[in-house]
């Protein structure tokens, strides 16, 4: 009974964190005038990041602060910069390769059993495959503003994966 109560408490805390994060993201999108682009970014990032894993902070507060900073940085890039076409293609090829090679990367907060790791690897490949297909479709349709969003999602996921690998090497965690 105690374990079930702990699970409920944990679930409520996670739900509260998710709701607050979504509200902050919507606020950032509204204030910056990029609500559609911000939504696309998050809808693409969240499932890929969930299954690919990578770097995680120990503190919920610092995690929230870093997540907001990363979102703000990406929103500013989306709004004010245009990544060149060649750079977009190189980002997707290089970082999709990194994700395919190393995902999922677990961490001290979330150790993955072999079966779970296999399932997460499969889901990561499926999500990444869909996102790469959508990226190249948008690119071929010359919708570079939107292909750039997917390139940023893949770049960020790959960078957090590499940071997670480095963290695991430093703390001698996992398979890496």
C-alpha atoms as a PDB file:
ATOM      1  CA  UNK A   1       0.000   0.000   0.000  1.00  0.00           C
ATOM      2  CA  UNK A   2       2.852   2.394   0.769  1.00  0.00           C
ATOM      3  CA  UNK A   3       4.472   1.754  -2.643  1.00  0.00           C
ATOM      4  CA  UNK A   4       1.200   2.461  -4.454  1.00  0.00           C
ATOM      5  CA  UNK A   5       0.814   5.719  -2.511  1.00  0.00           C
ATOM      6  CA  UNK A   6       4.393   6.716  -3.445  1.00  0.00           C
ATOM      7  CA  UNK A   7       3.635   6.009  -7.103  1.00  0.00           C
ATOM      8  CA  UNK A   8       0.523   8.206  -6.956  1.00  0.00           C
ATOM      9  CA  UNK A   9       2.469  11.038  -5.304  1.00  0.00           C
ATOM     10  CA  UNK A  10       5.250  10.724  -7.888  1.00  0.00           C
ATOM     11  CA  UNK A  11       2.691  10.664 -10.733  1.00  0.00           C
ATOM     12  CA  UNK A  12       0.984  13.809  -9.446  1.00  0.00           C
ATOM     13  CA  UNK A  13       4.314  15.602  -9.133  1.00  0.00           C
ATOM     14  CA  UNK A  14       5.253  14.616 -12.697  1.00  0.00           C
ATOM     15  CA  UNK A  15       1.855  15.735 -14.016  1.00  0.00           C
ATOM     16  CA  UNK A  16       2.177  19.074 -12.207  1.00  0.00           C
ATOM     17  CA  UNK A  17       5.665  19.553 -13.663  1.00  0.00           C
ATOM     18  CA  UNK A  18       4.402  18.715 -17.167  1.00  0.00           C
ATOM     19  CA  UNK A  19       1.476  21.126 -16.889  1.00  0.00           C
ATOM     20  CA  UNK A  20       3.672  23.962 -15.611  1.00  0.00           C
ATOM     21  CA  UNK A  21       6.222  23.267 -18.363  1.00  0.00           C
ATOM     22  CA  UNK A  22       3.530  23.360 -21.044  1.00  0.00           C
ATOM     23  CA  UNK A  23       2.098  26.608 -19.662  1.00  0.00           C
ATOM     24  CA  UNK A  24       5.547  28.215 -19.639  1.00  0.00           C
ATOM     25  CA  UNK A  25       6.160  26.996 -23.209  1.00  0.00           C
ATOM     26  CA  UNK A  26       2.813  28.411 -24.359  1.00  0.00           C
ATOM     27  CA  UNK A  27       3.633  31.711 -22.649  1.00  0.00           C
ATOM     28  CA  UNK A  28       7.034  31.838 -24.378  1.00  0.00           C
ATOM     29  CA  UNK A  29       5.370  31.086 -27.712  1.00  0.00           C
ATOM     30  CA  UNK A  30       2.674  33.735 -27.237  1.00  0.00           C
ATOM     31  CA  UNK A  31       5.089  36.450 -26.039  1.00  0.00           C
ATOM     32  CA  UNK A  32       7.550  35.734 -28.865  1.00  0.00           C
ATOM     33  CA  UNK A  33       4.827  35.470 -31.514  1.00  0.00           C
ATOM     34  CA  UNK A  34       5.948  31.923 -32.351  1.00  0.00           C
ATOM     35  CA  UNK A  35       3.220  29.803 -30.756  1.00  0.00           C
ATOM     36  CA  UNK A  36       2.873  27.577 -33.847  1.00  0.00           C
ATOM     37  CA  UNK A  37       6.622  27.091 -34.237  1.00  0.00           C
ATOM     38  CA  UNK A  38       7.106  26.559 -30.491  1.00  0.00           C
ATOM     39  CA  UNK A  39       4.370  23.916 -30.526  1.00  0.00           C
ATOM     40  CA  UNK A  40       5.971  22.120 -33.480  1.00  0.00           C
ATOM     41  CA  UNK A  41       9.344  22.210 -31.719  1.00  0.00           C
ATOM     42  CA  UNK A  42       7.960  20.703 -28.505  1.00  0.00           C
ATOM     43  CA  UNK A  43       5.753  18.125 -30.233  1.00  0.00           C
ATOM     44  CA  UNK A  44       8.804  16.868 -32.128  1.00  0.00           C
ATOM     45  CA  UNK A  45      11.279  17.157 -29.251  1.00  0.00           C
ATOM     46  CA  UNK A  46       9.335  15.575 -26.407  1.00  0.00           C
ATOM     47  CA  UNK A  47       8.838  12.032 -27.753  1.00  0.00           C
ATOM     48  CA  UNK A  48      12.330  11.830 -29.278  1.00  0.00           C
ATOM     49  CA  UNK A  49      13.973  13.081 -26.090  1.00  0.00           C
ATOM     50  CA  UNK A  50      11.837  10.805 -23.912  1.00  0.00           C
ATOM     51  CA  UNK A  51      13.049   7.655 -25.645  1.00  0.00           C
ATOM     52  CA  UNK A  52      16.569   8.738 -26.685  1.00  0.00           C
ATOM     53  CA  UNK A  53      17.490   9.820 -23.156  1.00  0.00           C
ATOM     54  CA  UNK A  54      20.768  11.563 -22.466  1.00  0.00           C
ATOM     55  CA  UNK A  55      21.809  14.236 -20.014  1.00  0.00           C
ATOM     56  CA  UNK A  56      19.544  14.943 -17.034  1.00  0.00           C
ATOM     57  CA  UNK A  57      20.063  17.239 -14.084  1.00  0.00           C
ATOM     58  CA  UNK A  58      19.587  15.966 -10.527  1.00  0.00           C
ATOM     59  CA  UNK A  59      17.627  19.021  -9.370  1.00  0.00           C
ATOM     60  CA  UNK A  60      14.093  19.637 -10.677  1.00  0.00           C
ATOM     61  CA  UNK A  61      14.611  23.378 -10.257  1.00  0.00           C
ATOM     62  CA  UNK A  62      17.808  23.442 -12.364  1.00  0.00           C
ATOM     63  CA  UNK A  63      16.174  21.122 -14.881  1.00  0.00           C
ATOM     64  CA  UNK A  64      13.292  23.583 -15.248  1.00  0.00           C
ATOM     65  CA  UNK A  65      15.660  26.551 -15.541  1.00  0.00           C
ATOM     66  CA  UNK A  66      17.822  24.823 -18.168  1.00  0.00           C
ATOM     67  CA  UNK A  67      14.763  23.604 -20.095  1.00  0.00           C
ATOM     68  CA  UNK A  68      13.341  27.136 -20.244  1.00  0.00           C
ATOM     69  CA  UNK A  69      16.725  28.521 -21.334  1.00  0.00           C
ATOM     70  CA  UNK A  70      17.018  25.877 -24.065  1.00  0.00           C
ATOM     71  CA  UNK A  71      13.470  26.558 -25.245  1.00  0.00           C
ATOM     72  CA  UNK A  72      14.079  30.317 -25.276  1.00  0.00           C
ATOM     73  CA  UNK A  73      17.315  29.852 -27.209  1.00  0.00           C
ATOM     74  CA  UNK A  74      15.624  27.683 -29.814  1.00  0.00           C
ATOM     75  CA  UNK A  75      12.646  30.052 -30.107  1.00  0.00           C
ATOM     76  CA  UNK A  76      15.046  32.951 -30.707  1.00  0.00           C
ATOM     77  CA  UNK A  77      16.879  30.939 -33.370  1.00  0.00           C
ATOM     78  CA  UNK A  78      13.591  29.979 -35.025  1.00  0.00           C
ATOM     79  CA  UNK A  79      12.334  33.569 -34.977  1.00  0.00           C
ATOM     80  CA  UNK A  80      15.467  35.512 -35.908  1.00  0.00           C
ATOM     81  CA  UNK A  81      17.906  33.204 -37.700  1.00  0.00           C
ATOM     82  CA  UNK A  82      17.758  31.068 -40.795  1.00  0.00           C
ATOM     83  CA  UNK A  83      20.134  28.129 -40.688  1.00  0.00           C
ATOM     84  CA  UNK A  84      21.562  27.647 -44.165  1.00  0.00           C
ATOM     85  CA  UNK A  85      20.267  24.765 -46.227  1.00  0.00           C
ATOM     86  CA  UNK A  86      23.612  22.962 -46.219  1.00  0.00           C
ATOM     87  CA  UNK A  87      23.927  23.375 -42.450  1.00  0.00           C
ATOM     88  CA  UNK A  88      20.422  21.972 -41.932  1.00  0.00           C
ATOM     89  CA  UNK A  89      21.248  18.876 -43.969  1.00  0.00           C
ATOM     90  CA  UNK A  90      24.601  18.382 -42.224  1.00  0.00           C
ATOM     91  CA  UNK A  91      22.997  18.812 -38.782  1.00  0.00           C
ATOM     92  CA  UNK A  92      20.339  16.215 -39.541  1.00  0.00           C
ATOM     93  CA  UNK A  93      22.778  13.696 -41.046  1.00  0.00           C
ATOM     94  CA  UNK A  94      25.427  14.048 -38.321  1.00  0.00           C
ATOM     95  CA  UNK A  95      23.151  14.193 -35.291  1.00  0.00           C
ATOM     96  CA  UNK A  96      20.657  11.602 -36.551  1.00  0.00           C
ATOM     97  CA  UNK A  97      23.646   9.271 -36.969  1.00  0.00           C
ATOM     98  CA  UNK A  98      24.735   9.998 -33.394  1.00  0.00           C
ATOM     99  CA  UNK A  99      21.222   9.339 -32.103  1.00  0.00           C
ATOM    100  CA  UNK A 100      20.937   6.099 -34.084  1.00  0.00           C
ATOM    101  CA  UNK A 101      24.336   4.946 -32.818  1.00  0.00           C
ATOM    102  CA  UNK A 102      23.982   5.699 -29.129  1.00  0.00           C
ATOM    103  CA  UNK A 103      20.306   5.988 -28.124  1.00  0.00           C
ATOM    104  CA  UNK A 104      19.002   5.320 -25.630  1.00  0.00           C
ATOM    105  CA  UNK A 105      21.435   6.764 -23.113  1.00  0.00           C
ATOM    106  CA  UNK A 106      20.346   6.175 -19.538  1.00  0.00           C
ATOM    107  CA  UNK A 107      21.559   8.078 -16.505  1.00  0.00           C
ATOM    108  CA  UNK A 108      21.776   7.833 -12.735  1.00  0.00           C
ATOM    109  CA  UNK A 109      18.184   9.082 -12.414  1.00  0.00           C
ATOM    110  CA  UNK A 110      16.819   6.488 -14.816  1.00  0.00           C
ATOM    111  CA  UNK A 111      18.685   3.200 -15.216  1.00  0.00           C
ATOM    112  CA  UNK A 112      17.251   1.124 -18.058  1.00  0.00           C
ATOM    113  CA  UNK A 113      16.948  -2.653 -18.036  1.00  0.00           C
ATOM    114  CA  UNK A 114      17.989  -4.487 -21.209  1.00  0.00           C
ATOM    115  CA  UNK A 115      14.400  -5.097 -22.419  1.00  0.00           C
ATOM    116  CA  UNK A 116      13.399  -1.496 -21.757  1.00  0.00           C
ATOM    117  CA  UNK A 117      16.539  -0.277 -23.517  1.00  0.00           C
ATOM    118  CA  UNK A 118      15.675  -2.387 -26.585  1.00  0.00           C
ATOM    119  CA  UNK A 119      12.124  -1.022 -26.622  1.00  0.00           C
ATOM    120  CA  UNK A 120      13.383   2.577 -26.233  1.00  0.00           C
ATOM    121  CA  UNK A 121      15.937   2.032 -29.017  1.00  0.00           C
ATOM    122  CA  UNK A 122      13.186   0.826 -31.365  1.00  0.00           C
ATOM    123  CA  UNK A 123      10.900   3.747 -30.483  1.00  0.00           C
ATOM    124  CA  UNK A 124      13.760   6.227 -30.878  1.00  0.00           C
ATOM    125  CA  UNK A 125      14.504   4.851 -34.354  1.00  0.00           C
ATOM    126  CA  UNK A 126      10.837   5.050 -35.363  1.00  0.00           C
ATOM    127  CA  UNK A 127      10.374   8.621 -34.109  1.00  0.00           C
ATOM    128  CA  UNK A 128      13.692   9.762 -35.576  1.00  0.00           C
ATOM    129  CA  UNK A 129      12.857   8.074 -38.893  1.00  0.00           C
ATOM    130  CA  UNK A 130       9.523   9.872 -39.101  1.00  0.00           C
ATOM    131  CA  UNK A 131      11.112  13.184 -38.166  1.00  0.00           C
ATOM    132  CA  UNK A 132      13.859  12.743 -40.793  1.00  0.00           C
ATOM    133  CA  UNK A 133      11.272  11.936 -43.480  1.00  0.00           C
ATOM    134  CA  UNK A 134       9.252  15.009 -42.491  1.00  0.00           C
ATOM    135  CA  UNK A 135      12.441  17.108 -42.455  1.00  0.00           C
ATOM    136  CA  UNK A 136      13.406  16.076 -45.994  1.00  0.00           C
ATOM    137  CA  UNK A 137       9.813  16.522 -47.235  1.00  0.00           C
ATOM    138  CA  UNK A 138       9.697  20.056 -45.814  1.00  0.00           C
ATOM    139  CA  UNK A 139      13.159  20.723 -47.227  1.00  0.00           C
ATOM    140  CA  UNK A 140      12.184  19.526 -50.697  1.00  0.00           C
ATOM    141  CA  UNK A 141       9.037  21.653 -50.509  1.00  0.00           C
ATOM    142  CA  UNK A 142      11.335  24.604 -49.684  1.00  0.00           C
ATOM    143  CA  UNK A 143       9.655  25.125 -46.320  1.00  0.00           C
ATOM    144  CA  UNK A 144      13.007  25.870 -44.742  1.00  0.00           C
ATOM    145  CA  UNK A 145      11.571  27.679 -41.722  1.00  0.00           C
ATOM    146  CA  UNK A 146       9.892  24.421 -40.667  1.00  0.00           C
ATOM    147  CA  UNK A 147      12.671  22.047 -41.731  1.00  0.00           C
ATOM    148  CA  UNK A 148      14.940  24.192 -39.539  1.00  0.00           C
ATOM    149  CA  UNK A 149      12.746  23.390 -36.512  1.00  0.00           C
ATOM    150  CA  UNK A 150      13.250  19.658 -37.056  1.00  0.00           C
ATOM    151  CA  UNK A 151      16.983  20.179 -37.581  1.00  0.00           C
ATOM    152  CA  UNK A 152      17.107  21.993 -34.218  1.00  0.00           C
ATOM    153  CA  UNK A 153      15.188  19.161 -32.519  1.00  0.00           C
ATOM    154  CA  UNK A 154      17.616  16.557 -33.873  1.00  0.00           C
ATOM    155  CA  UNK A 155      20.618  18.756 -33.011  1.00  0.00           C
ATOM    156  CA  UNK A 156      19.433  19.316 -29.434  1.00  0.00           C
ATOM    157  CA  UNK A 157      18.601  15.649 -28.891  1.00  0.00           C
ATOM    158  CA  UNK A 158      22.004  14.592 -30.245  1.00  0.00           C
ATOM    159  CA  UNK A 159      23.833  17.130 -28.095  1.00  0.00           C
ATOM    160  CA  UNK A 160      21.986  16.034 -24.943  1.00  0.00           C
ATOM    161  CA  UNK A 161      22.775  12.419 -25.838  1.00  0.00           C
ATOM    162  CA  UNK A 162      26.483  13.251 -26.134  1.00  0.00           C
ATOM    163  CA  UNK A 163      26.348  15.176 -22.848  1.00  0.00           C
ATOM    164  CA  UNK A 164      24.712  12.134 -21.241  1.00  0.00           C
ATOM    165  CA  UNK A 165      27.443   9.863 -22.568  1.00  0.00           C
ATOM    166  CA  UNK A 166      30.120  12.187 -21.173  1.00  0.00           C
ATOM    167  CA  UNK A 167      28.306  12.340 -17.836  1.00  0.00           C
ATOM    168  CA  UNK A 168      28.079   8.532 -17.732  1.00  0.00           C
ATOM    169  CA  UNK A 169      31.776   8.202 -18.515  1.00  0.00           C
ATOM    170  CA  UNK A 170      32.611  10.684 -15.765  1.00  0.00           C
ATOM    171  CA  UNK A 171      30.481   8.865 -13.193  1.00  0.00           C
ATOM    172  CA  UNK A 172      31.142   5.418 -14.720  1.00  0.00           C
ATOM    173  CA  UNK A 173      27.434   4.659 -15.313  1.00  0.00           C
ATOM    174  CA  UNK A 174      25.897   2.404 -17.940  1.00  0.00           C
ATOM    175  CA  UNK A 175      27.291   0.713 -21.039  1.00  0.00           C
ATOM    176  CA  UNK A 176      29.304   3.624 -22.392  1.00  0.00           C
END
